[in-house]
C-alpha atoms as a PDB file:
ATOM      1  CA  MET A   1     108.745  92.689 107.849  1.00  0.00           C
ATOM      2  CA  GLY A   2     105.789  94.991 108.334  1.00  0.00           C
ATOM      3  CA  THR A   3     103.690  96.865 105.820  1.00  0.00           C
ATOM      4  CA  GLY A   4     102.086 100.275 105.861  1.00  0.00           C
ATOM      5  CA  ARG A   5     101.369 103.427 103.909  1.00  0.00           C
ATOM      6  CA  ILE A   6     103.439 106.579 103.802  1.00  0.00           C
ATOM      7  CA  VAL A   7     101.647 109.361 105.671  1.00  0.00           C
ATOM      8  CA  ARG A   8     104.109 112.080 104.707  1.00  0.00           C
ATOM      9  CA  PHE A   9     107.602 112.296 103.223  1.00  0.00           C
ATOM     10  CA  ASP A  10     109.834 115.317 102.681  1.00  0.00           C
ATOM     11  CA  GLY A  11     112.418 114.465 100.019  1.00  0.00           C
ATOM     12  CA  ILE A  12     114.326 117.708 100.691  1.00  0.00           C
ATOM     13  CA  ARG A  13     114.710 117.095 104.427  1.00  0.00           C
ATOM     14  CA  GLY A  14     115.028 113.350 103.872  1.00  0.00           C
ATOM     15  CA  TYR A  15     112.496 111.916 106.286  1.00  0.00           C
ATOM     16  CA  GLY A  16     108.855 110.970 106.698  1.00  0.00           C
ATOM     17  CA  PHE A  17     106.420 108.712 108.521  1.00  0.00           C
ATOM     18  CA  ILE A  18     104.673 105.405 107.838  1.00  0.00           C
ATOM     19  CA  ALA A  19     101.250 104.390 109.235  1.00  0.00           C
ATOM     20  CA  PRO A  20     101.635 100.655 109.943  1.00  0.00           C
ATOM     21  CA  ASP A  21      98.847  98.373 108.691  1.00  0.00           C
ATOM     22  CA  GLU A  22      98.690  96.627 112.089  1.00  0.00           C
ATOM     23  CA  GLY A  23      97.894  99.963 113.757  1.00  0.00           C
ATOM     24  CA  GLY A  24      99.724 101.931 116.406  1.00  0.00           C
ATOM     25  CA  ASP A  25     101.819 105.069 116.211  1.00  0.00           C
ATOM     26  CA  ASP A  26     103.333 106.265 112.943  1.00  0.00           C
ATOM     27  CA  ILE A  27     106.894 105.055 112.381  1.00  0.00           C
ATOM     28  CA  PHE A  28     109.745 107.397 111.441  1.00  0.00           C
ATOM     29  CA  MET A  29     111.601 106.698 108.183  1.00  0.00           C
ATOM     30  CA  HIS A  30     114.809 108.293 106.891  1.00  0.00           C
ATOM     31  CA  VAL A  31     116.043 108.574 103.318  1.00  0.00           C
ATOM     32  CA  ASN A  32     119.168 106.540 104.211  1.00  0.00           C
ATOM     33  CA  ASP A  33     116.912 103.533 104.929  1.00  0.00           C
ATOM     34  CA  LEU A  34     115.128 103.550 101.550  1.00  0.00           C
ATOM     35  CA  GLU A  35     115.912 100.687  99.177  1.00  0.00           C
ATOM     36  CA  ASP A  36     114.357 102.372  96.119  1.00  0.00           C
ATOM     37  CA  GLU A  37     114.787 105.841  94.610  1.00  0.00           C
ATOM     38  CA  LYS A  38     113.470 108.517  96.972  1.00  0.00           C
ATOM     39  CA  TYR A  39     111.305 110.210  94.321  1.00  0.00           C
ATOM     40  CA  LEU A  40     109.080 107.090  94.342  1.00  0.00           C
ATOM     41  CA  PHE A  41     108.136 107.606  98.010  1.00  0.00           C
ATOM     42  CA  ARG A  42     105.095 109.845  98.459  1.00  0.00           C
ATOM     43  CA  PRO A  43     101.976 109.886 100.656  1.00  0.00           C
ATOM     44  CA  GLY A  44      99.629 106.953 100.137  1.00  0.00           C
ATOM     45  CA  VAL A  45     102.254 104.579  98.720  1.00  0.00           C
ATOM     46  CA  LEU A  46     102.322 101.069 100.230  1.00  0.00           C
ATOM     47  CA  VAL A  47     105.729 100.078 101.629  1.00  0.00           C
ATOM     48  CA  GLU A  48     107.354  97.128 103.355  1.00  0.00           C
ATOM     49  CA  PHE A  49     109.819  97.788 106.189  1.00  0.00           C
ATOM     50  CA  LYS A  50     111.549  96.442 109.273  1.00  0.00           C
ATOM     51  CA  ALA A  51     110.676  98.245 112.517  1.00  0.00           C
ATOM     52  CA  GLU A  52     113.516  98.698 114.974  1.00  0.00           C
ATOM     53  CA  GLU A  53     114.128 100.730 118.086  1.00  0.00           C
ATOM     54  CA  GLY A  54     115.919 104.011 117.373  1.00  0.00           C
ATOM     55  CA  ASP A  55     117.165 106.801 119.640  1.00  0.00           C
ATOM     56  CA  LYS A  56     113.719 108.420 119.753  1.00  0.00           C
ATOM     57  CA  GLY A  57     111.390 105.427 119.416  1.00  0.00           C
ATOM     58  CA  LEU A  58     110.504 103.127 116.526  1.00  0.00           C
ATOM     59  CA  LYS A  59     112.090 103.731 113.138  1.00  0.00           C
ATOM     60  CA  ALA A  60     111.754 101.944 109.823  1.00  0.00           C
ATOM     61  CA  SER A  61     114.714 100.336 108.089  1.00  0.00           C
ATOM     62  CA  ALA A  62     115.024  98.463 104.784  1.00  0.00           C
ATOM     63  CA  VAL A  63     112.037 100.420 103.420  1.00  0.00           C
ATOM     64  CA  ARG A  64     110.956  99.261  99.973  1.00  0.00           C
ATOM     65  CA  LEU A  65     107.972  99.576  97.683  1.00  0.00           C
END
C-alpha cells in the first residue's frame, strides 16, 4: 500500500489524481475504487491506495482515507 495526497478530484465526473508520497507521476483514481464515501475525497486529503497498471498507466485501487 502506498500513501499520497489528492491533487484534484471531480465528484461529478468520478475521477481524480493522487500525488504519491514517494514521488513520481500523479496516479489516476476512479470513484469505483474508493472505499469511503466520495464526498470525503477532496484536494489535500491524505489517502492510502494500491497502485496497479491500468490501460493508460498507473491507477489507484482500494483508495481509502
